[in-house]
N, C-alpha and C. Protein backbone atom coordinates (compact mmCIF):
# COMPACT_ATOMS: atom_id res chain seq x y z
N UNK A 1 12.35 9.98 8.44
CA UNK A 1 11.99 8.62 9.21
C UNK A 1 13.08 7.43 9.18
N UNK A 2 14.00 7.63 8.01
CA UNK A 2 14.71 6.74 7.69
C UNK A 2 15.81 6.41 8.98
N UNK A 3 16.46 7.81 9.43
CA UNK A 3 17.38 7.63 10.61
C UNK A 3 16.74 7.16 11.75
N UNK A 4 15.57 7.41 12.21
CA UNK A 4 15.30 7.11 13.59
C UNK A 4 14.56 5.34 12.95
N UNK A 5 14.22 5.02 11.90
CA UNK A 5 14.41 3.79 11.74
C UNK A 5 15.48 2.71 12.16
N UNK A 6 16.43 3.25 11.25
CA UNK A 6 17.63 2.73 11.10
C UNK A 6 18.28 2.91 12.80
N UNK A 7 18.08 3.76 13.49
CA UNK A 7 18.39 3.76 14.84
C UNK A 7 17.96 2.71 15.62
N UNK A 8 16.32 2.47 15.26
CA UNK A 8 15.47 1.34 16.09
C UNK A 8 15.84 0.19 16.08
N UNK A 9 16.25 -0.14 14.73
CA UNK A 9 16.89 -1.42 14.41
C UNK A 9 18.31 -1.58 14.93
N UNK A 10 19.28 -1.22 14.87
CA UNK A 10 20.31 -0.72 15.36
C UNK A 10 20.37 -1.56 16.79
N UNK A 11 19.27 -0.71 17.70
CA UNK A 11 19.48 -0.82 18.90
C UNK A 11 18.40 -1.78 19.44
N UNK A 12 17.64 -2.88 18.54
CA UNK A 12 16.72 -3.78 18.69
C UNK A 12 17.36 -4.76 18.61
N UNK A 13 17.45 -5.24 16.66
CA UNK A 13 17.99 -6.25 16.02
C UNK A 13 18.34 -5.90 14.64
N UNK A 14 19.69 -6.09 14.20
CA UNK A 14 20.29 -5.54 13.41
C UNK A 14 19.79 -6.11 12.14
N UNK A 15 19.05 -7.32 12.34
CA UNK A 15 18.71 -8.19 10.92
C UNK A 15 17.38 -7.45 10.85
N UNK A 16 16.70 -6.76 11.61
CA UNK A 16 15.36 -6.18 11.10
C UNK A 16 15.58 -4.52 10.35
N UNK A 17 16.92 -4.38 10.03
CA UNK A 17 17.20 -2.95 9.24
C UNK A 17 16.50 -3.25 8.09
N UNK A 18 16.72 -3.80 7.36
CA UNK A 18 15.99 -3.72 6.00
C UNK A 18 14.79 -3.69 6.01
N UNK A 19 13.86 -4.65 6.62
CA UNK A 19 12.61 -4.43 6.90
C UNK A 19 12.01 -3.41 7.47
N UNK A 20 12.32 -2.83 8.20
CA UNK A 20 12.70 -1.27 8.93
C UNK A 20 12.39 -0.17 7.93
N UNK A 21 13.43 -0.17 7.39
CA UNK A 21 13.55 0.80 5.97
C UNK A 21 12.46 0.70 4.89
N UNK A 22 12.45 -0.36 4.83
CA UNK A 22 11.30 -0.87 3.83
C UNK A 22 9.88 -0.40 4.27
N UNK A 23 9.52 -0.43 5.70
CA UNK A 23 8.10 -0.03 6.15
C UNK A 23 8.18 1.30 6.01
N UNK A 24 9.23 2.00 6.25
CA UNK A 24 9.61 3.77 6.14
C UNK A 24 9.32 3.83 4.45
N UNK A 25 9.76 3.44 3.80
CA UNK A 25 9.62 3.52 2.31
C UNK A 25 8.33 3.88 1.70
N UNK A 26 7.65 2.40 2.24
CA UNK A 26 6.58 2.01 1.90
C UNK A 26 5.74 2.97 2.35
N UNK A 27 5.62 3.28 3.09
CA UNK A 27 4.60 4.31 3.89
C UNK A 27 4.65 5.60 3.23
N UNK A 28 5.97 5.85 2.83
CA UNK A 28 6.45 7.36 2.29
C UNK A 28 5.59 7.44 0.48
N UNK A 29 5.66 6.17 0.30
CA UNK A 29 5.15 6.03 -1.11
C UNK A 29 3.67 6.20 -1.13
N UNK A 30 2.65 5.56 0.16
CA UNK A 30 1.47 5.47 0.11
C UNK A 30 1.01 6.90 0.54
N UNK A 31 1.69 7.71 1.44
CA UNK A 31 1.35 8.86 1.49
C UNK A 31 1.63 10.00 0.32
N UNK A 32 2.52 9.76 -0.36
CA UNK A 32 2.68 10.28 -1.97
C UNK A 32 1.48 10.06 -2.79
N UNK A 33 0.83 9.02 -2.97
CA UNK A 33 0.21 8.48 -3.76
C UNK A 33 -1.93 8.82 -2.93
N UNK A 34 -2.00 8.72 -1.72
CA UNK A 34 -2.94 9.41 -1.30
C UNK A 34 -3.12 11.30 -0.94
N UNK A 35 -2.10 11.60 -0.85
CA UNK A 35 -2.04 13.23 -0.58
C UNK A 35 -2.55 13.88 -1.61
N UNK A 36 -3.85 14.63 -1.58
CA UNK A 36 -3.76 15.82 -2.57
C UNK A 36 -2.95 16.97 -2.59
N UNK A 37 -2.07 17.13 -2.08
CA UNK A 37 -1.31 18.40 -1.81
C UNK A 37 0.27 17.82 -2.36
N UNK A 38 0.46 16.28 -2.78
CA UNK A 38 1.48 15.99 -3.05
C UNK A 38 2.10 16.31 -4.64
N UNK A 39 3.18 16.72 -4.46
CA UNK A 39 3.73 17.06 -6.13
C UNK A 39 3.71 16.33 -7.23
N UNK A 40 3.91 15.11 -6.89
CA UNK A 40 3.72 13.74 -8.25
C UNK A 40 2.16 14.11 -8.39
N UNK A 41 1.10 13.99 -7.53
CA UNK A 41 -0.21 14.04 -7.52
C UNK A 41 -0.67 15.04 -8.61
N UNK A 42 -0.36 16.17 -7.76
CA UNK A 42 -0.64 17.05 -8.95
C UNK A 42 -0.07 17.29 -10.25
N UNK A 43 1.03 17.11 -10.25
CA UNK A 43 1.51 16.95 -11.75
C UNK A 43 0.97 15.59 -12.76
N UNK A 44 0.55 14.78 -11.90
CA UNK A 44 -0.12 13.44 -12.83
C UNK A 44 -1.40 13.96 -13.14
N UNK A 45 -2.27 14.79 -12.27
CA UNK A 45 -3.61 15.13 -12.39
C UNK A 45 -3.35 16.56 -13.54
N UNK A 46 -2.72 16.92 -13.68
CA UNK A 46 -2.36 18.24 -14.70
C UNK A 46 -1.77 17.51 -16.09
N UNK A 47 -1.02 16.83 -15.86
CA UNK A 47 -0.28 16.12 -17.37
C UNK A 47 -1.45 15.27 -17.86
N UNK A 48 -2.30 14.45 -16.95
CA UNK A 48 -3.31 14.04 -17.77
C UNK A 48 -4.83 14.33 -18.07
N UNK A 49 -4.58 15.88 -17.78
CA UNK A 49 -5.44 16.78 -18.04
C UNK A 49 -7.32 16.50 -17.29
N UNK A 50 -7.17 15.90 -16.16
CA UNK A 50 -8.35 15.68 -15.22
C UNK A 50 -8.44 16.34 -14.15
N UNK A 51 -9.40 16.26 -13.72
CA UNK A 51 -9.57 16.96 -12.50
C UNK A 51 -8.73 16.53 -11.11
N UNK A 52 -8.08 17.56 -10.59
CA UNK A 52 -7.29 16.89 -9.46
C UNK A 52 -8.16 15.84 -8.45
N UNK A 53 -9.11 16.25 -7.89
CA UNK A 53 -9.52 15.39 -6.49
C UNK A 53 -9.97 14.03 -7.60
N UNK A 54 -10.44 14.17 -8.67
CA UNK A 54 -10.73 12.93 -9.35
C UNK A 54 -10.03 12.01 -9.36
N UNK A 55 -8.48 12.50 -9.64
CA UNK A 55 -7.38 11.95 -9.80
C UNK A 55 -6.96 11.03 -8.64
N UNK A 56 -7.46 11.98 -7.38
CA UNK A 56 -6.76 11.34 -6.08
C UNK A 56 -7.96 10.14 -5.90
N UNK A 57 -8.78 10.28 -6.19
CA UNK A 57 -9.87 9.31 -5.84
C UNK A 57 -9.80 8.15 -6.37
N UNK A 58 -9.41 8.44 -7.89
CA UNK A 58 -9.31 7.13 -8.25
C UNK A 58 -8.06 6.10 -8.08
N UNK A 59 -6.92 7.06 -7.13
CA UNK A 59 -5.62 6.44 -6.62
C UNK A 59 -5.89 5.64 -5.22
N UNK A 60 -6.95 6.09 -4.71
CA UNK A 60 -7.05 6.02 -3.48
C UNK A 60 -7.22 4.19 -3.25
N UNK A 61 -8.08 3.56 -4.22
CA UNK A 61 -8.74 2.13 -4.08
C UNK A 61 -7.11 1.11 -4.17
N UNK A 62 -6.48 1.77 -4.91
CA UNK A 62 -5.31 0.78 -5.44
C UNK A 62 -4.25 1.33 -4.43
N UNK A 63 -4.16 2.48 -3.76
CA UNK A 63 -3.21 2.87 -2.70
C UNK A 63 -3.53 1.96 -1.44
N UNK A 64 -4.79 1.81 -1.26
CA UNK A 64 -5.51 1.46 0.25
C UNK A 64 -5.07 -0.33 0.07
N UNK A 65 -5.64 -0.49 -1.04
CA UNK A 65 -5.50 -2.14 -0.98
C UNK A 65 -3.79 -2.77 -0.77
N UNK A 66 -3.16 -1.57 -1.57
CA UNK A 66 -1.27 -2.48 -1.50
C UNK A 66 -1.13 -2.12 -0.10
N UNK A 67 -1.62 -1.18 0.65
CA UNK A 67 -1.37 -0.79 1.85
C UNK A 67 -1.78 -1.84 2.86
N UNK A 68 -3.13 -2.04 2.48
CA UNK A 68 -3.41 -3.34 3.15
C UNK A 68 -2.49 -4.48 3.37
N UNK A 69 -2.16 -5.07 2.13
CA UNK A 69 -1.24 -6.14 2.11
C UNK A 69 0.38 -5.65 2.95
N UNK A 70 0.61 -4.85 2.83
CA UNK A 70 1.53 -4.59 2.96
C UNK A 70 1.82 -4.04 4.57
N UNK A 71 0.53 -3.82 5.59
CA UNK A 71 0.44 -3.92 6.71
C UNK A 71 0.50 -5.17 7.26
N UNK A 72 -0.46 -6.31 6.60
CA UNK A 72 -0.35 -7.24 6.92
C UNK A 72 1.25 -8.22 7.16
N UNK A 73 1.80 -7.85 5.98
CA UNK A 73 3.16 -8.43 5.53
C UNK A 73 3.93 -7.68 7.07
N UNK A 74 4.10 -6.52 7.16
CA UNK A 74 4.76 -5.98 7.80
C UNK A 74 4.42 -6.34 9.76
N UNK A 75 3.28 -6.39 9.73
CA UNK A 75 2.63 -6.63 11.16
C UNK A 75 3.31 -8.57 11.56
N UNK A 76 2.86 -9.25 10.22
CA UNK A 76 3.44 -10.42 10.40
C UNK A 76 5.11 -10.71 10.64
N UNK A 77 5.72 -9.94 10.09
CA UNK A 77 6.91 -9.82 10.34
C UNK A 77 7.50 -9.97 11.65
N UNK A 78 6.88 -8.51 12.15
CA UNK A 78 7.10 -7.62 13.27
C UNK A 78 6.61 -9.13 14.55
N UNK A 79 5.88 -9.76 14.48
CA UNK A 79 5.28 -10.83 15.23
C UNK A 79 6.22 -11.94 15.43
N UNK A 80 6.76 -12.10 14.31
CA UNK A 80 7.27 -13.40 14.01
C UNK A 80 9.11 -13.44 13.55
N UNK A 81 9.13 -12.35 13.09
CA UNK A 81 10.84 -12.16 12.61
C UNK A 81 11.29 -13.34 11.47
N UNK A 82 9.98 -13.59 11.07
CA UNK A 82 10.42 -14.70 9.99
C UNK A 82 10.03 -14.07 8.49
N UNK A 83 10.91 -13.65 7.53
CA UNK A 83 10.64 -13.11 6.30
C UNK A 83 9.64 -13.87 5.68
N UNK A 84 10.12 -15.33 5.55
CA UNK A 84 9.35 -16.25 5.02
C UNK A 84 7.87 -16.25 5.27
N UNK A 85 7.54 -16.05 6.52
CA UNK A 85 6.11 -16.40 6.64
C UNK A 85 5.60 -14.97 6.66
N UNK A 86 6.10 -14.14 6.71
CA UNK A 86 5.46 -12.61 6.56
C UNK A 86 5.26 -12.65 4.78
N UNK A 87 6.18 -13.02 3.85
CA UNK A 87 6.10 -12.95 2.49
C UNK A 87 4.96 -13.68 2.25
N UNK A 88 4.51 -14.84 3.02
CA UNK A 88 3.70 -16.09 2.61
C UNK A 88 2.09 -15.18 3.39
N UNK A 89 2.07 -14.62 4.37
CA UNK A 89 0.88 -14.00 4.54
C UNK A 89 0.49 -12.95 3.88
N UNK A 90 1.53 -12.07 3.26
CA UNK A 90 1.32 -11.07 2.46
C UNK A 90 1.00 -11.32 1.10
N UNK A 91 1.16 -12.61 0.67
CA UNK A 91 0.83 -13.26 -0.63
C UNK A 91 -0.58 -13.70 -0.37
N UNK A 92 -1.59 -14.26 0.56
CA UNK A 92 -2.18 -14.61 0.88
C UNK A 92 -3.03 -13.52 1.09
N UNK A 93 -3.10 -12.40 1.76
CA UNK A 93 -3.62 -11.54 1.66
C UNK A 93 -3.89 -10.77 0.26
N UNK A 94 -2.57 -10.57 -0.53
CA UNK A 94 -2.96 -10.06 -1.64
C UNK A 94 -3.98 -10.61 -2.84
N UNK A 95 -3.97 -12.23 -2.65
CA UNK A 95 -4.57 -13.11 -3.41
C UNK A 95 -6.28 -12.56 -2.99
N UNK A 96 -6.67 -12.70 -1.69
CA UNK A 96 -7.72 -12.53 -1.21
C UNK A 96 -8.40 -11.08 -1.65
N UNK A 97 -7.29 -10.03 -1.08
CA UNK A 97 -7.78 -8.95 -1.99
C UNK A 97 -8.16 -8.78 -3.49
N UNK A 98 -7.28 -9.33 -4.36
CA UNK A 98 -7.70 -9.25 -5.67
C UNK A 98 -9.21 -10.46 -6.38
N UNK A 99 -9.55 -11.24 -5.18
CA UNK A 99 -10.81 -12.24 -5.22
C UNK A 99 -11.70 -10.71 -4.72
N UNK A 100 -11.79 -10.04 -3.74
CA UNK A 100 -12.62 -9.28 -3.33
C UNK A 100 -12.80 -8.21 -4.34
N UNK A 101 -11.63 -7.58 -4.57
CA UNK A 101 -11.86 -6.41 -5.84
C UNK A 101 -12.60 -6.99 -6.99
N UNK A 102 -12.30 -8.36 -7.57
CA UNK A 102 -12.73 -8.99 -8.83
C UNK A 102 -14.36 -9.29 -8.55
N UNK A 103 -14.77 -9.88 -7.22
CA UNK A 103 -16.55 -10.08 -7.00
C UNK A 103 -17.18 -8.63 -7.03
N UNK A 104 -16.15 -7.57 -6.67
CA UNK A 104 -17.15 -5.99 -6.21
C UNK A 104 -17.35 -5.82 -7.79
N UNK A 105 -16.11 -5.96 -8.37
CA UNK A 105 -16.05 -5.33 -9.56
C UNK A 105 -16.97 -6.05 -10.63
N UNK A 106 -17.52 -7.17 -10.61
CA UNK A 106 -18.22 -8.11 -11.62
C UNK A 106 -19.58 -7.68 -11.15
N UNK A 107 -19.77 -7.51 -9.78
CA UNK A 107 -21.38 -7.59 -9.20
C UNK A 107 -21.67 -5.86 -9.53
N UNK A 108 -20.75 -4.55 -9.65
CA UNK A 108 -21.01 -3.63 -10.12
C UNK A 108 -21.18 -3.61 -11.65
N UNK A 109 -20.46 -3.99 -12.43
CA UNK A 109 -20.93 -4.41 -13.88
C UNK A 109 -22.25 -4.83 -14.09
N UNK A 110 -22.27 -5.96 -13.44
CA UNK A 110 -23.98 -6.58 -13.69
C UNK A 110 -25.09 -5.62 -13.31
N UNK A 111 -24.97 -4.69 -12.02
CA UNK A 111 -25.64 -3.80 -11.83
C UNK A 111 -25.82 -2.97 -12.70
N UNK A 112 -24.89 -2.53 -13.33
CA UNK A 112 -24.82 -1.66 -14.18
C UNK A 112 -25.77 -1.88 -15.66
N UNK A 113 -25.24 -3.07 -15.87
CA UNK A 113 -25.69 -3.97 -17.15
C UNK A 113 -27.64 -4.01 -16.87
N UNK A 114 -28.11 -4.31 -15.42
CA UNK A 114 -29.41 -4.24 -15.41
C UNK A 114 -30.21 -2.93 -15.34
N UNK A 115 -29.75 -1.92 -15.43
CA UNK A 115 -30.05 -0.40 -15.08
C UNK A 115 -30.47 -0.13 -16.35
């Protein structure tokens, strides 16, 4: 995917080369964390001596929240071609995700305390 993204950046706007390559690398890391057949996922679950599918399911909330923040940043960058605006949008999204996950965690702990 890196050569394809590099060719696309060269054909459209060379200033977008680094963000396009970053998007490819972000997607590959996301896929590596979420794939149950990834070598690093298998080795991590084996090294931790835990059930493989349990390890994958515990990785998903983290990977999906970071993927959401990255998607917002890359979509904003594609629409505005401004790194500063893209970074600001990703930062706001990150803060919102942190608040939502914190509220969900507190609600889960309160529910468990009442049971």
